[in-house]
Protein backbone atom coordinates (compact mmCIF):
# COMPACT_ATOMS: atom_id res chain seq x y z
CA MET A 1 134.94 42.13 169.54
CA SER A 2 134.00 41.76 165.88
CA LYS A 3 136.16 43.58 163.34
CA THR A 4 133.25 43.86 160.91
CA VAL A 5 131.24 47.08 160.67
CA THR A 6 127.73 46.56 159.33
CA THR A 7 126.81 50.10 158.26
CA GLU A 8 128.22 53.03 156.35
CA ILE A 9 126.55 56.38 155.73
CA LEU A 10 126.42 56.86 151.98
CA PRO A 11 126.63 60.39 150.52
CA GLU A 12 123.42 61.85 149.15
CA ASN A 13 125.16 62.28 145.81
CA LEU A 14 126.47 58.80 144.97
CA LEU A 15 129.04 60.30 142.61
CA GLU A 16 130.89 61.44 145.75
CA HIS A 17 131.33 57.91 147.07
CA ARG A 18 134.92 56.61 147.02
CA ALA A 19 133.96 53.49 145.05
CA VAL A 20 132.26 55.56 142.35
CA LYS A 21 135.22 57.94 142.20
CA ALA A 22 137.54 54.98 141.64
CA TRP A 23 135.24 53.57 138.96
CA SER A 24 135.11 56.92 137.17
CA GLN A 25 138.92 56.94 136.86
CA LEU A 26 138.61 53.91 134.59
CA GLU A 27 136.54 56.03 132.16
CA PRO A 28 133.47 53.77 131.87
CA GLU A 29 130.45 54.54 129.68
CA ARG A 30 128.26 54.97 132.75
CA THR A 31 129.52 56.35 136.05
CA GLU A 32 126.56 57.04 138.37
CA PRO A 33 125.11 53.85 139.92
CA GLU A 34 121.44 53.20 140.55
CA ALA A 35 122.38 52.21 144.10
CA ILE A 36 125.38 51.21 146.21
CA ALA A 37 125.25 48.19 148.50
CA VAL A 38 127.85 47.75 151.24
CA LEU A 39 128.77 44.05 151.09
CA ARG A 40 131.64 44.16 153.58
CA LEU A 41 133.14 46.82 155.82
CA THR A 42 135.80 46.39 158.49
CA ARG A 43 137.51 48.63 160.99
CA LYS A 44 140.80 48.05 159.18
CA LYS A 45 139.50 50.17 156.25
CA SER A 46 138.89 47.25 153.89
CA ALA A 47 135.50 47.27 152.18
CA VAL A 48 133.51 45.73 149.34
CA TYR A 49 130.77 47.62 147.48
CA ARG A 50 128.31 46.65 144.75
CA MET A 51 127.41 49.45 142.33
CA ALA A 52 124.19 48.63 140.50
CA GLY A 53 123.72 49.36 136.81
CA VAL A 54 127.08 50.84 135.84
CA GLY A 55 128.58 47.84 134.02
CA PRO A 56 127.99 46.73 130.42
CA THR A 57 124.30 45.95 129.68
CA GLY A 58 123.40 47.35 133.09
CA ALA A 59 125.30 44.75 135.10
CA ALA A 60 126.53 45.45 138.61
CA VAL A 61 130.18 46.26 139.31
CA ILE A 62 132.07 45.36 142.48
CA ALA A 63 134.66 47.67 144.03
CA LYS A 64 136.96 46.17 146.66
CA ARG A 65 139.13 48.34 148.90
CA CYS A 66 142.12 46.47 150.32
CA ARG A 67 145.88 46.61 150.78
CA THR A 68 147.78 47.49 147.63
CA THR A 69 149.83 44.29 147.90
CA THR A 70 146.63 42.21 148.05
CA ALA A 71 145.12 44.13 145.13
CA ILE A 72 148.18 43.50 142.96
CA VAL A 73 147.97 39.73 143.54
CA GLU A 74 144.20 39.58 142.92
CA ARG A 75 144.51 41.62 139.75
CA LEU A 76 147.26 39.29 138.49
CA ILE A 77 145.06 36.25 139.17
CA CYS A 78 142.13 37.79 137.28
CA GLU A 79 144.16 38.97 134.30
CA GLU A 80 146.66 36.13 133.94
CA VAL A 81 144.83 33.08 135.33
CA LEU A 82 141.04 33.40 135.27
CA SER A 83 140.99 35.05 131.85
CA SER A 84 142.64 31.97 130.29
CA LEU A 85 139.99 29.49 131.45
CA SER A 86 137.06 28.21 129.41
CA LEU A 87 134.47 28.71 132.17
CA PRO A 88 132.68 31.97 133.07
CA ALA A 89 134.68 33.67 135.79
CA LEU A 90 135.16 36.91 137.65
CA GLY A 91 136.85 39.63 135.57
CA CYS A 92 138.75 42.71 136.66
CA TYR A 93 138.09 46.11 135.08
CA GLY A 94 141.04 47.82 136.67
CA PHE A 95 143.15 48.84 139.62
CA VAL A 96 143.08 52.27 141.27
CA PRO A 97 145.91 52.94 143.77
CA GLY A 98 145.05 55.05 146.78
CA ALA A 99 146.64 56.54 149.88
CA ASN A 100 148.02 54.84 153.00
CA GLY A 101 148.96 51.62 151.21
CA LEU A 102 145.37 50.93 150.10
CA ALA A 103 143.89 50.45 146.65
CA LEU A 104 140.55 49.81 144.94
CA LEU A 105 139.96 46.88 142.59
CA VAL A 106 136.93 47.07 140.28
CA TYR A 107 135.40 43.75 139.22
CA ASP A 108 132.99 42.68 136.49
CA TRP A 109 130.09 41.16 138.43
CA GLU A 110 128.04 39.87 135.47
CA MET A 111 129.49 36.36 135.66
CA ALA A 112 130.38 36.39 139.36
CA GLY A 113 127.21 34.55 140.32
CA TRP A 114 128.49 31.52 138.43
CA GLY A 115 131.27 31.21 140.96
CA PHE A 116 134.88 30.19 140.35
CA PRO A 117 135.53 26.64 141.58
CA ALA A 118 139.32 26.41 141.31
CA THR A 119 140.14 26.65 145.02
CA ASP A 120 137.31 24.22 145.86
CA LEU A 121 138.74 21.71 143.39
CA ALA A 122 142.28 21.93 144.78
CA GLN A 123 143.81 18.53 145.51
CA VAL A 124 145.97 19.33 148.54
CA ASP A 125 147.06 17.35 151.59
CA ARG A 126 145.28 17.66 154.95
CA CYS A 127 142.18 19.03 153.24
CA ALA A 128 138.91 17.59 151.95
CA ARG A 129 139.27 16.88 148.24
CA ALA A 130 136.57 17.27 145.62
CA ASP A 131 135.77 14.28 143.40
CA LEU A 132 136.92 15.59 140.03
CA ASP A 133 135.17 12.82 138.09
CA ALA A 134 131.84 13.65 139.76
CA TYR A 135 132.36 17.37 139.20
CA TYR A 136 133.15 16.77 135.53
CA SER A 137 130.00 14.71 135.03
CA ALA A 138 127.83 17.43 136.63
CA ALA A 139 129.54 20.34 134.86
CA ARG A 140 129.12 18.77 131.41
CA GLN A 141 125.35 19.02 131.78
CA ASP A 142 125.62 22.81 131.44
CA PHE A 143 128.96 23.02 129.59
CA PRO A 144 129.05 20.07 127.15
CA GLN A 145 132.19 21.50 125.49
CA LEU A 146 134.22 20.74 128.60
CA ASP A 147 136.90 18.08 128.61
CA PHE A 148 138.19 16.41 131.78
CA SER A 149 141.50 18.18 131.17
CA ASP A 150 139.66 21.49 131.76
CA ILE A 151 138.58 20.28 135.20
CA GLN A 152 142.07 19.08 136.01
CA ARG A 153 143.40 22.46 134.90
CA LEU A 154 141.01 24.19 137.30
CA ALA A 155 142.22 21.95 140.11
CA ASN A 156 145.83 22.78 139.26
CA TYR A 157 145.07 26.49 139.48
CA GLY A 158 143.30 25.81 142.76
CA ASN A 159 146.45 24.18 144.11
CA LEU A 160 148.44 27.26 143.07
CA LEU A 161 145.99 29.66 144.72
CA ARG A 162 146.07 27.62 147.94
CA VAL A 163 149.88 27.86 148.09
CA VAL A 164 149.78 31.63 147.41
CA ASP A 165 147.25 32.00 150.23
CA ALA A 166 149.43 29.97 152.60
CA ILE A 167 152.44 32.15 151.80
CA TYR A 168 150.36 35.27 152.42
CA TRP A 169 149.32 34.02 155.85
CA ALA A 170 152.94 33.26 156.71
CA THR A 171 153.94 36.85 155.91
CA LEU A 172 151.41 38.14 158.45
CA PHE A 173 153.66 36.81 161.22
CA MET A 174 156.53 39.02 160.02
CA VAL A 175 155.66 41.89 162.35
CA ARG A 176 159.07 42.45 163.91
CA GLU A 177 162.59 42.72 162.57
CA THR A 178 164.30 40.46 165.10
CA TYR A 179 165.83 37.21 163.87
CA LYS A 180 163.76 35.11 166.27
CA SER A 181 160.43 36.57 165.13
CA LEU A 182 161.31 36.27 161.43
CA LEU A 183 162.70 32.73 161.57
CA LYS A 184 159.40 30.81 161.74
CA PRO A 185 157.59 32.64 158.89
CA LEU A 186 160.71 32.43 156.70
CA GLN A 187 160.95 28.69 157.39
CA LEU A 188 157.29 28.31 156.43
CA ILE A 189 157.81 30.26 153.21
CA GLY A 190 160.87 28.11 152.48
CA LYS A 191 158.74 24.98 152.96
CA TYR A 192 156.17 26.32 150.51
CA GLU A 193 158.83 26.94 147.85
CA THR A 194 158.73 23.34 146.60
CA GLN A 195 154.92 23.34 146.56
CA LEU A 196 154.89 26.65 144.69
CA ALA A 197 157.35 25.39 142.09
CA ALA A 198 155.29 22.24 141.54
CA SER A 199 152.05 24.22 141.27
CA LEU A 200 153.56 26.66 138.77
CA HIS A 201 154.90 23.78 136.71
CA ALA A 202 151.45 22.12 136.68
CA VAL A 203 149.87 25.22 135.14
CA ASN A 204 152.78 25.61 132.70
CA TRP A 205 153.94 28.89 134.22
CA ASN A 206 157.65 29.26 133.48
CA ALA A 207 160.25 31.99 133.41
CA THR A 208 159.02 33.36 130.08
CA ALA A 209 155.60 33.89 131.68
CA GLY A 210 157.08 36.05 134.39
CA TRP A 211 158.37 33.68 137.07
CA LYS A 212 161.96 32.80 137.87
CA ARG A 213 163.31 30.70 140.67
CA ALA A 214 165.13 32.94 143.09
CA THR A 215 168.09 31.94 145.20
CA ARG A 216 166.79 31.42 148.70
CA ALA A 217 168.56 33.06 151.59
CA ARG A 218 169.85 30.94 154.47
CA LEU A 219 167.24 30.51 157.21
CA THR A 220 169.73 29.52 159.92
CA PRO A 221 172.94 31.30 160.87
CA PRO A 222 176.18 29.74 159.59
CA PRO A 223 178.37 27.93 162.15
CA ALA A 224 180.73 30.13 164.07
CA GLN A 225 184.24 30.35 162.64
CA THR A 226 187.09 29.28 164.86
CA ASN A 227 190.75 30.03 164.50
C-alpha cells in the first residue's frame, strides 16, 4: 500500500493552515497566500506545501513538514553550504519547531526552479558519475563567470551530501536497543567515518567551522578476561 496521500482538505481561511501559521511566525511582509498547493503528503505526517505570492516580489514559498532532526540537517545545508556557492540555489527563510518531534522548514522558492546540481555531480563509487568537463562547458553558456574549480567544488559538496544521506539511512535500522540489532548500523556508520572526514576536508570544513573528529566507540565487545 502506498504511503503517499494525494489530497488534503484546506481550510476556507488559508491563514488557518499550518504552513501559513508557521510562515507567519517568521514575521514576513506578506502572510496570506494567493493559494496553497499540496506538493507531497504522507501518512507519516510529512508534507510539502507551496504558498503562492507570499515571498519577496510575489514569489512562492515552500513549507516542508518533517522530523525535527531532518529539518536541522537541511537548514544547516542551506545556511552553511548552499549560501556559499556562486550558483543560484535554494534558500531557507527559517525553521519553526513543532510538536511530536516534527518541524516546519520554510524555503525561498524563487531560485528553486534552477535546481541544485551538487548531488548529481557527486563523484562516488558504485554510482554513475557526471562528466564534470561536459557540465562545465554547458554551464558556462549561462554563467560565463564560472571557473572549473566552482564545478569541482559543487561535486565535492555533492560527495558530502551523499555521505550524510548514507549515514541517515543507516540510522533508520537502529530501531531496537539490543546489541545485535545495533551492531550492523553502527558498523556502517563507522565505515562512513573515513568517507565523511575526506568529504569534509575536500570542502575545507574543519574544527573551527563546527566539526571535530570524535572518538569512536568500540563496535565489537572486548575479549573476555581470564584469570
